[in-house]
């Protein structure tokens, strides 16, 4: 069965994200994660530390360069991820949609779902 990587993209400096989840949203998120885990779909998931704690390492022109975060030129960043095992892209997309729908209306969140190339 194919595996899929879902990248959760957020606007890191949006005050909604800084405020965190409401108790109701946290409960909805917990219920969804329990359901997707029980279904045997979720292999791994996590949020990521802010870009201010990250580094970018670039290989260009035969040289390495390193940039410390935050990455001010980037408006939207990867704020989390999940790895799931689904029968096809349609199923992976459906789980991503359900994940987005547990968020409070004030949030702006985008999921990018990509199949992991195997072999």
PDB file of N, CA and C in Angstrom:
ATOM      1  N   UNK A   1       0.853  -1.176   0.000  1.00  0.00           N
ATOM      2  CA  UNK A   1       0.000   0.000   0.000  1.00  0.00           C
ATOM      3  C   UNK A   1       0.901   1.243   0.000  1.00  0.00           C
ATOM      4  N   UNK A   2       0.582   2.221  -0.837  1.00  0.00           N
ATOM      5  CA  UNK A   2       1.449   3.402  -0.926  1.00  0.00           C
ATOM      6  C   UNK A   2       1.413   4.263   0.337  1.00  0.00           C
ATOM      7  N   UNK A   3       2.521   4.974   0.547  1.00  0.00           N
ATOM      8  CA  UNK A   3       2.625   5.926   1.653  1.00  0.00           C
ATOM      9  C   UNK A   3       2.561   7.334   1.087  1.00  0.00           C
ATOM     10  N   UNK A   4       2.051   8.244   1.914  1.00  0.00           N
ATOM     11  CA  UNK A   4       1.878   9.632   1.500  1.00  0.00           C
ATOM     12  C   UNK A   4       2.430  10.560   2.574  1.00  0.00           C
ATOM     13  N   UNK A   5       3.066  11.629   2.119  1.00  0.00           N
ATOM     14  CA  UNK A   5       3.540  12.686   3.008  1.00  0.00           C
ATOM     15  C   UNK A   5       2.596  13.863   2.858  1.00  0.00           C
ATOM     16  N   UNK A   6       2.055  14.323   3.971  1.00  0.00           N
ATOM     17  CA  UNK A   6       1.228  15.518   3.970  1.00  0.00           C
ATOM     18  C   UNK A   6       2.008  16.619   4.668  1.00  0.00           C
ATOM     19  N   UNK A   7       2.290  17.679   3.930  1.00  0.00           N
ATOM     20  CA  UNK A   7       2.972  18.847   4.484  1.00  0.00           C
ATOM     21  C   UNK A   7       1.903  19.847   4.892  1.00  0.00           C
ATOM     22  N   UNK A   8       1.937  20.263   6.141  1.00  0.00           N
ATOM     23  CA  UNK A   8       0.960  21.212   6.656  1.00  0.00           C
ATOM     24  C   UNK A   8       1.599  22.594   6.596  1.00  0.00           C
ATOM     25  N   UNK A   9       1.062  23.424   5.724  1.00  0.00           N
ATOM     26  CA  UNK A   9       1.626  24.763   5.517  1.00  0.00           C
ATOM     27  C   UNK A   9       0.797  25.797   6.276  1.00  0.00           C
ATOM     28  N   UNK A  10       1.517  26.671   6.980  1.00  0.00           N
ATOM     29  CA  UNK A  10       0.870  27.722   7.763  1.00  0.00           C
ATOM     30  C   UNK A  10       1.560  29.053   7.487  1.00  0.00           C
ATOM     31  N   UNK A  11       0.888  30.127   7.840  1.00  0.00           N
ATOM     32  CA  UNK A  11       1.511  31.448   7.852  1.00  0.00           C
ATOM     33  C   UNK A  11       2.012  31.646   9.275  1.00  0.00           C
ATOM     34  N   UNK A  12       3.306  31.424   9.461  1.00  0.00           N
ATOM     35  CA  UNK A  12       3.896  31.354  10.797  1.00  0.00           C
ATOM     36  C   UNK A  12       3.660  32.592  11.655  1.00  0.00           C
ATOM     37  N   UNK A  13       3.602  33.758  11.050  1.00  0.00           N
ATOM     38  CA  UNK A  13       3.451  34.996  11.816  1.00  0.00           C
ATOM     39  C   UNK A  13       1.994  35.405  12.015  1.00  0.00           C
ATOM     40  N   UNK A  14       1.065  34.590  11.566  1.00  0.00           N
ATOM     41  CA  UNK A  14      -0.361  34.859  11.778  1.00  0.00           C
ATOM     42  C   UNK A  14      -0.658  34.724  13.266  1.00  0.00           C
ATOM     43  N   UNK A  15      -1.240  35.736  13.887  1.00  0.00           N
ATOM     44  CA  UNK A  15      -1.511  35.684  15.333  1.00  0.00           C
ATOM     45  C   UNK A  15      -2.407  34.509  15.739  1.00  0.00           C
ATOM     46  N   UNK A  16      -3.233  34.018  14.822  1.00  0.00           N
ATOM     47  CA  UNK A  16      -4.094  32.871  15.121  1.00  0.00           C
ATOM     48  C   UNK A  16      -3.254  31.659  15.501  1.00  0.00           C
ATOM     49  N   UNK A  17      -2.161  31.431  14.766  1.00  0.00           N
ATOM     50  CA  UNK A  17      -1.294  30.289  15.056  1.00  0.00           C
ATOM     51  C   UNK A  17      -0.543  30.489  16.369  1.00  0.00           C
ATOM     52  N   UNK A  18      -0.140  31.714  16.632  1.00  0.00           N
ATOM     53  CA  UNK A  18       0.587  31.992  17.876  1.00  0.00           C
ATOM     54  C   UNK A  18      -0.304  31.758  19.092  1.00  0.00           C
ATOM     55  N   UNK A  19      -1.601  32.012  18.953  1.00  0.00           N
ATOM     56  CA  UNK A  19      -2.538  31.844  20.064  1.00  0.00           C
ATOM     57  C   UNK A  19      -2.780  30.370  20.392  1.00  0.00           C
ATOM     58  N   UNK A  20      -2.532  29.497  19.433  1.00  0.00           N
ATOM     59  CA  UNK A  20      -2.721  28.067  19.667  1.00  0.00           C
ATOM     60  C   UNK A  20      -4.147  27.609  19.438  1.00  0.00           C
ATOM     61  N   UNK A  21      -4.379  26.351  19.781  1.00  0.00           N
ATOM     62  CA  UNK A  21      -5.678  25.727  19.546  1.00  0.00           C
ATOM     63  C   UNK A  21      -6.647  26.051  20.673  1.00  0.00           C
ATOM     64  N   UNK A  22      -7.904  26.245  20.326  1.00  0.00           N
ATOM     65  CA  UNK A  22      -8.946  26.341  21.343  1.00  0.00           C
ATOM     66  C   UNK A  22      -9.130  24.946  21.938  1.00  0.00           C
ATOM     67  N   UNK A  23      -9.682  24.850  23.151  1.00  0.00           N
ATOM     68  CA  UNK A  23      -9.930  23.529  23.737  1.00  0.00           C
ATOM     69  C   UNK A  23     -10.832  22.657  22.851  1.00  0.00           C
ATOM     70  N   UNK A  24     -11.803  23.280  22.190  1.00  0.00           N
ATOM     71  CA  UNK A  24     -12.700  22.533  21.308  1.00  0.00           C
ATOM     72  C   UNK A  24     -11.951  21.985  20.095  1.00  0.00           C
ATOM     73  N   UNK A  25     -11.075  22.808  19.528  1.00  0.00           N
ATOM     74  CA  UNK A  25     -10.295  22.365  18.377  1.00  0.00           C
ATOM     75  C   UNK A  25      -9.333  21.252  18.784  1.00  0.00           C
ATOM     76  N   UNK A  26      -8.718  21.394  19.934  1.00  0.00           N
ATOM     77  CA  UNK A  26      -7.807  20.349  20.428  1.00  0.00           C
ATOM     78  C   UNK A  26      -8.547  19.024  20.593  1.00  0.00           C
ATOM     79  N   UNK A  27      -9.779  19.079  21.078  1.00  0.00           N
ATOM     80  CA  UNK A  27     -10.578  17.857  21.246  1.00  0.00           C
ATOM     81  C   UNK A  27     -10.916  17.237  19.891  1.00  0.00           C
ATOM     82  N   UNK A  28     -11.276  18.083  18.915  1.00  0.00           N
ATOM     83  CA  UNK A  28     -11.570  17.572  17.564  1.00  0.00           C
ATOM     84  C   UNK A  28     -10.336  16.946  16.942  1.00  0.00           C
ATOM     85  N   UNK A  29      -9.183  17.607  17.125  1.00  0.00           N
ATOM     86  CA  UNK A  29      -7.923  17.104  16.571  1.00  0.00           C
ATOM     87  C   UNK A  29      -7.573  15.756  17.208  1.00  0.00           C
ATOM     88  N   UNK A  30      -7.711  15.659  18.526  1.00  0.00           N
ATOM     89  CA  UNK A  30      -7.417  14.420  19.231  1.00  0.00           C
ATOM     90  C   UNK A  30      -8.317  13.281  18.740  1.00  0.00           C
ATOM     91  N   UNK A  31      -9.599  13.566  18.568  1.00  0.00           N
ATOM     92  CA  UNK A  31     -10.540  12.544  18.093  1.00  0.00           C
ATOM     93  C   UNK A  31     -10.173  12.071  16.688  1.00  0.00           C
ATOM     94  N   UNK A  32      -9.800  12.998  15.812  1.00  0.00           N
ATOM     95  CA  UNK A  32      -9.401  12.615  14.456  1.00  0.00           C
ATOM     96  C   UNK A  32      -8.134  11.773  14.482  1.00  0.00           C
ATOM     97  N   UNK A  33      -7.146  12.183  15.270  1.00  0.00           N
ATOM     98  CA  UNK A  33      -5.897  11.418  15.343  1.00  0.00           C
ATOM     99  C   UNK A  33      -6.137  10.016  15.899  1.00  0.00           C
ATOM    100  N   UNK A  34      -7.037   9.887  16.867  1.00  0.00           N
ATOM    101  CA  UNK A  34      -7.372   8.557  17.374  1.00  0.00           C
ATOM    102  C   UNK A  34      -8.029   7.716  16.285  1.00  0.00           C
ATOM    103  N   UNK A  35      -8.925   8.328  15.528  1.00  0.00           N
ATOM    104  CA  UNK A  35      -9.619   7.606  14.457  1.00  0.00           C
ATOM    105  C   UNK A  35      -8.656   7.167  13.356  1.00  0.00           C
ATOM    106  N   UNK A  36      -7.798   8.066  12.917  1.00  0.00           N
ATOM    107  CA  UNK A  36      -6.889   7.739  11.813  1.00  0.00           C
ATOM    108  C   UNK A  36      -5.834   6.717  12.251  1.00  0.00           C
ATOM    109  N   UNK A  37      -5.449   6.761  13.529  1.00  0.00           N
ATOM    110  CA  UNK A  37      -4.507   5.773  14.048  1.00  0.00           C
ATOM    111  C   UNK A  37      -5.185   4.411  14.162  1.00  0.00           C
ATOM    112  N   UNK A  38      -6.401   4.387  14.681  1.00  0.00           N
ATOM    113  CA  UNK A  38      -7.153   3.136  14.821  1.00  0.00           C
ATOM    114  C   UNK A  38      -7.413   2.500  13.452  1.00  0.00           C
ATOM    115  N   UNK A  39      -7.600   3.320  12.421  1.00  0.00           N
ATOM    116  CA  UNK A  39      -7.825   2.824  11.063  1.00  0.00           C
ATOM    117  C   UNK A  39      -6.554   2.247  10.447  1.00  0.00           C
ATOM    118  N   UNK A  40      -5.408   2.424  11.113  1.00  0.00           N
ATOM    119  CA  UNK A  40      -4.149   1.902  10.600  1.00  0.00           C
ATOM    120  C   UNK A  40      -3.543   2.741   9.497  1.00  0.00           C
ATOM    121  N   UNK A  41      -4.004   3.969   9.368  1.00  0.00           N
ATOM    122  CA  UNK A  41      -3.546   4.851   8.296  1.00  0.00           C
ATOM    123  C   UNK A  41      -2.348   5.692   8.733  1.00  0.00           C
ATOM    124  N   UNK A  42      -2.397   6.251   9.938  1.00  0.00           N
ATOM    125  CA  UNK A  42      -1.351   7.166  10.410  1.00  0.00           C
ATOM    126  C   UNK A  42      -0.092   6.405  10.799  1.00  0.00           C
ATOM    127  N   UNK A  43       1.010   6.738  10.161  1.00  0.00           N
ATOM    128  CA  UNK A  43       2.302   6.150  10.511  1.00  0.00           C
ATOM    129  C   UNK A  43       3.108   7.071  11.411  1.00  0.00           C
ATOM    130  N   UNK A  44       3.004   8.401  11.190  1.00  0.00           N
ATOM    131  CA  UNK A  44       3.732   9.376  12.002  1.00  0.00           C
ATOM    132  C   UNK A  44       3.143  10.760  11.745  1.00  0.00           C
ATOM    133  N   UNK A  45       3.194  11.604  12.746  1.00  0.00           N
ATOM    134  CA  UNK A  45       2.758  12.988  12.585  1.00  0.00           C
ATOM    135  C   UNK A  45       3.416  13.839  13.663  1.00  0.00           C
ATOM    136  N   UNK A  46       3.653  15.103  13.362  1.00  0.00           N
ATOM    137  CA  UNK A  46       4.221  16.019  14.351  1.00  0.00           C
ATOM    138  C   UNK A  46       4.136  17.445  13.828  1.00  0.00           C
ATOM    139  N   UNK A  47       4.105  18.366  14.760  1.00  0.00           N
ATOM    140  CA  UNK A  47       4.277  19.772  14.427  1.00  0.00           C
ATOM    141  C   UNK A  47       5.767  20.070  14.411  1.00  0.00           C
ATOM    142  N   UNK A  48       6.144  21.171  13.825  1.00  0.00           N
ATOM    143  CA  UNK A  48       7.555  21.555  13.745  1.00  0.00           C
ATOM    144  C   UNK A  48       7.810  22.814  14.563  1.00  0.00           C
ATOM    145  N   UNK A  49       9.024  22.926  15.082  1.00  0.00           N
ATOM    146  CA  UNK A  49       9.446  24.124  15.801  1.00  0.00           C
ATOM    147  C   UNK A  49       9.425  25.313  14.835  1.00  0.00           C
ATOM    148  N   UNK A  50       9.335  26.532  15.343  1.00  0.00           N
ATOM    149  CA  UNK A  50       9.301  27.709  14.468  1.00  0.00           C
ATOM    150  C   UNK A  50      10.579  27.843  13.634  1.00  0.00           C
ATOM    151  N   UNK A  51      10.449  28.537  12.508  1.00  0.00           N
ATOM    152  CA  UNK A  51      11.616  28.721  11.638  1.00  0.00           C
ATOM    153  C   UNK A  51      12.736  29.474  12.336  1.00  0.00           C
ATOM    154  N   UNK A  52      12.414  30.239  13.368  1.00  0.00           N
ATOM    155  CA  UNK A  52      13.457  30.969  14.103  1.00  0.00           C
ATOM    156  C   UNK A  52      14.458  30.005  14.743  1.00  0.00           C
ATOM    157  N   UNK A  53      14.065  28.763  14.933  1.00  0.00           N
ATOM    158  CA  UNK A  53      14.945  27.755  15.512  1.00  0.00           C
ATOM    159  C   UNK A  53      15.566  26.837  14.449  1.00  0.00           C
ATOM    160  N   UNK A  54      15.327  27.152  13.179  1.00  0.00           N
ATOM    161  CA  UNK A  54      15.788  26.282  12.097  1.00  0.00           C
ATOM    162  C   UNK A  54      16.963  26.852  11.325  1.00  0.00           C
ATOM    163  N   UNK A  55      17.436  26.050  10.397  1.00  0.00           N
ATOM    164  CA  UNK A  55      18.510  26.448   9.482  1.00  0.00           C
ATOM    165  C   UNK A  55      18.205  25.912   8.104  1.00  0.00           C
ATOM    166  N   UNK A  56      18.612  26.667   7.107  1.00  0.00           N
ATOM    167  CA  UNK A  56      18.555  26.210   5.719  1.00  0.00           C
ATOM    168  C   UNK A  56      19.979  26.010   5.246  1.00  0.00           C
ATOM    169  N   UNK A  57      20.202  24.882   4.635  1.00  0.00           N
ATOM    170  CA  UNK A  57      21.519  24.568   4.072  1.00  0.00           C
ATOM    171  C   UNK A  57      21.325  24.399   2.576  1.00  0.00           C
ATOM    172  N   UNK A  58      22.075  25.157   1.803  1.00  0.00           N
ATOM    173  CA  UNK A  58      21.911  25.190   0.354  1.00  0.00           C
ATOM    174  C   UNK A  58      23.196  24.757  -0.329  1.00  0.00           C
ATOM    175  N   UNK A  59      23.057  23.962  -1.359  1.00  0.00           N
ATOM    176  CA  UNK A  59      24.166  23.575  -2.229  1.00  0.00           C
ATOM    177  C   UNK A  59      23.944  24.286  -3.550  1.00  0.00           C
ATOM    178  N   UNK A  60      24.846  25.184  -3.928  1.00  0.00           N
ATOM    179  CA  UNK A  60      24.712  25.934  -5.169  1.00  0.00           C
ATOM    180  C   UNK A  60      26.098  26.303  -5.681  1.00  0.00           C
ATOM    181  N   UNK A  61      26.321  26.103  -6.963  1.00  0.00           N
ATOM    182  CA  UNK A  61      27.599  26.454  -7.561  1.00  0.00           C
ATOM    183  C   UNK A  61      28.766  25.706  -6.947  1.00  0.00           C
ATOM    184  N   UNK A  62      28.521  24.506  -6.454  1.00  0.00           N
ATOM    185  CA  UNK A  62      29.585  23.703  -5.866  1.00  0.00           C
ATOM    186  C   UNK A  62      29.968  24.108  -4.460  1.00  0.00           C
ATOM    187  N   UNK A  63      29.136  24.954  -3.814  1.00  0.00           N
ATOM    188  CA  UNK A  63      29.447  25.416  -2.456  1.00  0.00           C
ATOM    189  C   UNK A  63      28.227  25.276  -1.554  1.00  0.00           C
ATOM    190  N   UNK A  64      28.500  25.058  -0.271  1.00  0.00           N
ATOM    191  CA  UNK A  64      27.453  25.019   0.742  1.00  0.00           C
ATOM    192  C   UNK A  64      27.311  26.385   1.397  1.00  0.00           C
ATOM    193  N   UNK A  65      26.083  26.754   1.686  1.00  0.00           N
ATOM    194  CA  UNK A  65      25.835  27.953   2.496  1.00  0.00           C
ATOM    195  C   UNK A  65      24.751  27.608   3.506  1.00  0.00           C
ATOM    196  N   UNK A  66      24.816  28.283   4.653  1.00  0.00           N
ATOM    197  CA  UNK A  66      23.855  28.042   5.723  1.00  0.00           C
ATOM    198  C   UNK A  66      23.211  29.360   6.106  1.00  0.00           C
ATOM    199  N   UNK A  67      21.889  29.325   6.277  1.00  0.00           N
ATOM    200  CA  UNK A  67      21.134  30.503   6.695  1.00  0.00           C
ATOM    201  C   UNK A  67      20.382  30.154   7.971  1.00  0.00           C
ATOM    202  N   UNK A  68      20.577  30.948   9.019  1.00  0.00           N
ATOM    203  CA  UNK A  68      19.829  30.759  10.256  1.00  0.00           C
ATOM    204  C   UNK A  68      18.433  31.336  10.102  1.00  0.00           C
ATOM    205  N   UNK A  69      17.460  30.695  10.740  1.00  0.00           N
ATOM    206  CA  UNK A  69      16.098  31.204  10.752  1.00  0.00           C
ATOM    207  C   UNK A  69      16.001  32.404  11.679  1.00  0.00           C
ATOM    208  N   UNK A  70      14.951  33.168  11.660  1.00  0.00           N
ATOM    209  CA  UNK A  70      13.762  32.907  10.841  1.00  0.00           C
ATOM    210  C   UNK A  70      13.989  33.297   9.392  1.00  0.00           C
ATOM    211  N   UNK A  71      13.176  32.707   8.534  1.00  0.00           N
ATOM    212  CA  UNK A  71      13.318  32.922   7.099  1.00  0.00           C
ATOM    213  C   UNK A  71      12.291  33.960   6.675  1.00  0.00           C
ATOM    214  N   UNK A  72      12.674  35.228   6.812  1.00  0.00           N
ATOM    215  CA  UNK A  72      11.734  36.343   6.641  1.00  0.00           C
ATOM    216  C   UNK A  72      11.190  36.442   5.226  1.00  0.00           C
ATOM    217  N   UNK A  73      11.925  35.933   4.243  1.00  0.00           N
ATOM    218  CA  UNK A  73      11.436  36.035   2.871  1.00  0.00           C
ATOM    219  C   UNK A  73      10.319  35.045   2.585  1.00  0.00           C
ATOM    220  N   UNK A  74      10.043  34.155   3.533  1.00  0.00           N
ATOM    221  CA  UNK A  74       9.019  33.142   3.346  1.00  0.00           C
ATOM    222  C   UNK A  74       7.782  33.504   4.151  1.00  0.00           C
ATOM    223  N   UNK A  75       6.657  33.659   3.478  1.00  0.00           N
ATOM    224  CA  UNK A  75       5.409  33.962   4.172  1.00  0.00           C
ATOM    225  C   UNK A  75       4.786  32.677   4.712  1.00  0.00           C
ATOM    226  N   UNK A  76       4.758  31.641   3.898  1.00  0.00           N
ATOM    227  CA  UNK A  76       4.143  30.377   4.280  1.00  0.00           C
ATOM    228  C   UNK A  76       5.242  29.351   4.536  1.00  0.00           C
ATOM    229  N   UNK A  77       5.126  28.613   5.649  1.00  0.00           N
ATOM    230  CA  UNK A  77       6.147  27.628   6.007  1.00  0.00           C
ATOM    231  C   UNK A  77       5.488  26.288   6.321  1.00  0.00           C
ATOM    232  N   UNK A  78       6.286  25.244   6.323  1.00  0.00           N
ATOM    233  CA  UNK A  78       5.807  23.937   6.748  1.00  0.00           C
ATOM    234  C   UNK A  78       5.761  23.946   8.264  1.00  0.00           C
ATOM    235  N   UNK A  79       4.573  23.797   8.821  1.00  0.00           N
ATOM    236  CA  UNK A  79       4.396  23.842  10.271  1.00  0.00           C
ATOM    237  C   UNK A  79       4.244  22.463  10.884  1.00  0.00           C
ATOM    238  N   UNK A  80       4.087  21.446  10.047  1.00  0.00           N
ATOM    239  CA  UNK A  80       3.935  20.091  10.531  1.00  0.00           C
ATOM    240  C   UNK A  80       3.848  19.132   9.366  1.00  0.00           C
ATOM    241  N   UNK A  81       3.724  17.856   9.684  1.00  0.00           N
ATOM    242  CA  UNK A  81       3.669  16.839   8.635  1.00  0.00           C
ATOM    243  C   UNK A  81       2.948  15.606   9.171  1.00  0.00           C
ATOM    244  N   UNK A  82       2.564  14.759   8.252  1.00  0.00           N
ATOM    245  CA  UNK A  82       2.124  13.415   8.620  1.00  0.00           C
ATOM    246  C   UNK A  82       2.562  12.462   7.522  1.00  0.00           C
ATOM    247  N   UNK A  83       2.779  11.241   7.910  1.00  0.00           N
ATOM    248  CA  UNK A  83       3.045  10.167   6.957  1.00  0.00           C
ATOM    249  C   UNK A  83       1.928   9.152   7.157  1.00  0.00           C
ATOM    250  N   UNK A  84       1.229   8.866   6.086  1.00  0.00           N
ATOM    251  CA  UNK A  84       0.110   7.941   6.165  1.00  0.00           C
ATOM    252  C   UNK A  84       0.259   6.847   5.117  1.00  0.00           C
ATOM    253  N   UNK A  85      -0.427   5.752   5.356  1.00  0.00           N
ATOM    254  CA  UNK A  85      -0.445   4.639   4.417  1.00  0.00           C
ATOM    255  C   UNK A  85      -1.885   4.468   3.979  1.00  0.00           C
ATOM    256  N   UNK A  86      -2.155   4.774   2.722  1.00  0.00           N
ATOM    257  CA  UNK A  86      -3.522   4.786   2.201  1.00  0.00           C
ATOM    258  C   UNK A  86      -3.591   3.956   0.925  1.00  0.00           C
ATOM    259  N   UNK A  87      -4.805   3.555   0.562  1.00  0.00           N
ATOM    260  CA  UNK A  87      -4.940   2.732  -0.642  1.00  0.00           C
ATOM    261  C   UNK A  87      -4.636   3.524  -1.905  1.00  0.00           C
ATOM    262  N   UNK A  88      -4.876   4.857  -1.873  1.00  0.00           N
ATOM    263  CA  UNK A  88      -4.615   5.687  -3.046  1.00  0.00           C
ATOM    264  C   UNK A  88      -4.616   7.168  -2.651  1.00  0.00           C
ATOM    265  N   UNK A  89      -4.348   8.020  -3.636  1.00  0.00           N
ATOM    266  CA  UNK A  89      -4.305   9.463  -3.397  1.00  0.00           C
ATOM    267  C   UNK A  89      -5.655   9.985  -2.917  1.00  0.00           C
ATOM    268  N   UNK A  90      -6.737   9.436  -3.424  1.00  0.00           N
ATOM    269  CA  UNK A  90      -8.068   9.902  -3.021  1.00  0.00           C
ATOM    270  C   UNK A  90      -8.277   9.717  -1.516  1.00  0.00           C
ATOM    271  N   UNK A  91      -7.848   8.586  -0.975  1.00  0.00           N
ATOM    272  CA  UNK A  91      -7.995   8.365   0.461  1.00  0.00           C
ATOM    273  C   UNK A  91      -7.094   9.313   1.251  1.00  0.00           C
ATOM    274  N   UNK A  92      -5.852   9.496   0.801  1.00  0.00           N
ATOM    275  CA  UNK A  92      -4.926  10.412   1.481  1.00  0.00           C
ATOM    276  C   UNK A  92      -5.486  11.836   1.466  1.00  0.00           C
ATOM    277  N   UNK A  93      -6.066  12.230   0.345  1.00  0.00           N
ATOM    278  CA  UNK A  93      -6.660  13.566   0.227  1.00  0.00           C
ATOM    279  C   UNK A  93      -7.851  13.715   1.171  1.00  0.00           C
ATOM    280  N   UNK A  94      -8.654  12.673   1.295  1.00  0.00           N
ATOM    281  CA  UNK A  94      -9.821  12.734   2.184  1.00  0.00           C
ATOM    282  C   UNK A  94      -9.393  12.938   3.634  1.00  0.00           C
ATOM    283  N   UNK A  95      -8.343  12.229   4.084  1.00  0.00           N
ATOM    284  CA  UNK A  95      -7.850  12.421   5.457  1.00  0.00           C
ATOM    285  C   UNK A  95      -7.316  13.840   5.647  1.00  0.00           C
ATOM    286  N   UNK A  96      -6.621  14.372   4.638  1.00  0.00           N
ATOM    287  CA  UNK A  96      -6.097  15.746   4.729  1.00  0.00           C
ATOM    288  C   UNK A  96      -7.238  16.754   4.848  1.00  0.00           C
ATOM    289  N   UNK A  97      -8.305  16.545   4.085  1.00  0.00           N
ATOM    290  CA  UNK A  97      -9.464  17.437   4.166  1.00  0.00           C
ATOM    291  C   UNK A  97     -10.089  17.390   5.556  1.00  0.00           C
ATOM    292  N   UNK A  98     -10.204  16.198   6.098  1.00  0.00           N
ATOM    293  CA  UNK A  98     -10.785  16.059   7.439  1.00  0.00           C
ATOM    294  C   UNK A  98      -9.900  16.759   8.477  1.00  0.00           C
ATOM    295  N   UNK A  99      -8.571  16.647   8.307  1.00  0.00           N
ATOM    296  CA  UNK A  99      -7.641  17.341   9.205  1.00  0.00           C
ATOM    297  C   UNK A  99      -7.870  18.851   9.139  1.00  0.00           C
ATOM    298  N   UNK A 100      -7.990  19.389   7.941  1.00  0.00           N
ATOM    299  CA  UNK A 100      -8.199  20.830   7.793  1.00  0.00           C
ATOM    300  C   UNK A 100      -9.517  21.262   8.420  1.00  0.00           C
ATOM    301  N   UNK A 101     -10.553  20.450   8.306  1.00  0.00           N
ATOM    302  CA  UNK A 101     -11.872  20.831   8.791  1.00  0.00           C
ATOM    303  C   UNK A 101     -11.987  20.840  10.315  1.00  0.00           C
ATOM    304  N   UNK A 102     -11.050  20.236  11.035  1.00  0.00           N
ATOM    305  CA  UNK A 102     -11.119  20.310  12.502  1.00  0.00           C
ATOM    306  C   UNK A 102     -10.611  21.651  13.023  1.00  0.00           C
ATOM    307  N   UNK A 103      -9.944  22.431  12.177  1.00  0.00           N
ATOM    308  CA  UNK A 103      -9.424  23.735  12.589  1.00  0.00           C
ATOM    309  C   UNK A 103     -10.553  24.746  12.770  1.00  0.00           C
ATOM    310  N   UNK A 104     -10.373  25.646  13.719  1.00  0.00           N
ATOM    311  CA  UNK A 104     -11.308  26.750  13.893  1.00  0.00           C
ATOM    312  C   UNK A 104     -11.295  27.612  12.626  1.00  0.00           C
ATOM    313  N   UNK A 105     -12.387  28.306  12.360  1.00  0.00           N
ATOM    314  CA  UNK A 105     -12.519  29.102  11.133  1.00  0.00           C
ATOM    315  C   UNK A 105     -11.465  30.190  10.992  1.00  0.00           C
ATOM    316  N   UNK A 106     -10.915  30.684  12.078  1.00  0.00           N
ATOM    317  CA  UNK A 106      -9.925  31.762  12.018  1.00  0.00           C
ATOM    318  C   UNK A 106      -8.591  31.308  11.434  1.00  0.00           C
ATOM    319  N   UNK A 107      -8.340  30.003  11.411  1.00  0.00           N
ATOM    320  CA  UNK A 107      -7.063  29.485  10.910  1.00  0.00           C
ATOM    321  C   UNK A 107      -7.025  29.479   9.392  1.00  0.00           C
ATOM    322  N   UNK A 108      -5.828  29.715   8.847  1.00  0.00           N
ATOM    323  CA  UNK A 108      -5.558  29.489   7.431  1.00  0.00           C
ATOM    324  C   UNK A 108      -4.472  28.429   7.373  1.00  0.00           C
ATOM    325  N   UNK A 109      -4.823  27.270   6.868  1.00  0.00           N
ATOM    326  CA  UNK A 109      -3.916  26.125   6.822  1.00  0.00           C
ATOM    327  C   UNK A 109      -4.073  25.467   5.460  1.00  0.00           C
ATOM    328  N   UNK A 110      -2.962  25.047   4.872  1.00  0.00           N
ATOM    329  CA  UNK A 110      -2.966  24.349   3.593  1.00  0.00           C
ATOM    330  C   UNK A 110      -2.244  23.028   3.764  1.00  0.00           C
ATOM    331  N   UNK A 111      -2.770  21.978   3.170  1.00  0.00           N
ATOM    332  CA  UNK A 111      -2.090  20.682   3.165  1.00  0.00           C
ATOM    333  C   UNK A 111      -1.650  20.353   1.747  1.00  0.00           C
ATOM    334  N   UNK A 112      -0.421  19.956   1.611  1.00  0.00           N
ATOM    335  CA  UNK A 112       0.102  19.443   0.350  1.00  0.00           C
ATOM    336  C   UNK A 112       0.304  17.950   0.547  1.00  0.00           C
ATOM    337  N   UNK A 113      -0.384  17.135  -0.247  1.00  0.00           N
ATOM    338  CA  UNK A 113      -0.312  15.680  -0.131  1.00  0.00           C
ATOM    339  C   UNK A 113       0.471  15.141  -1.319  1.00  0.00           C
ATOM    340  N   UNK A 114       1.524  14.356  -1.010  1.00  0.00           N
ATOM    341  CA  UNK A 114       2.363  13.795  -2.070  1.00  0.00           C
ATOM    342  C   UNK A 114       2.667  12.340  -1.764  1.00  0.00           C
ATOM    343  N   UNK A 115       2.583  11.522  -2.787  1.00  0.00           N
ATOM    344  CA  UNK A 115       2.923  10.123  -2.604  1.00  0.00           C
ATOM    345  C   UNK A 115       4.428  10.000  -2.469  1.00  0.00           C
ATOM    346  N   UNK A 116       4.846   9.142  -1.548  1.00  0.00           N
ATOM    347  CA  UNK A 116       6.271   8.888  -1.339  1.00  0.00           C
ATOM    348  C   UNK A 116       6.737   7.924  -2.420  1.00  0.00           C
ATOM    349  N   UNK A 117       7.784   8.290  -3.145  1.00  0.00           N
ATOM    350  CA  UNK A 117       8.341   7.436  -4.175  1.00  0.00           C
ATOM    351  C   UNK A 117       9.023   6.251  -3.528  1.00  0.00           C
ATOM    352  N   UNK A 118       8.565   5.071  -3.808  1.00  0.00           N
ATOM    353  CA  UNK A 118       9.125   3.848  -3.217  1.00  0.00           C
ATOM    354  C   UNK A 118      10.055   3.177  -4.229  1.00  0.00           C
ATOM    355  N   UNK A 119      11.136   2.619  -3.694  1.00  0.00           N
ATOM    356  CA  UNK A 119      12.061   1.829  -4.527  1.00  0.00           C
ATOM    357  C   UNK A 119      12.881   2.634  -5.383  1.00  0.00           C
TER     358      UNK A 119
END
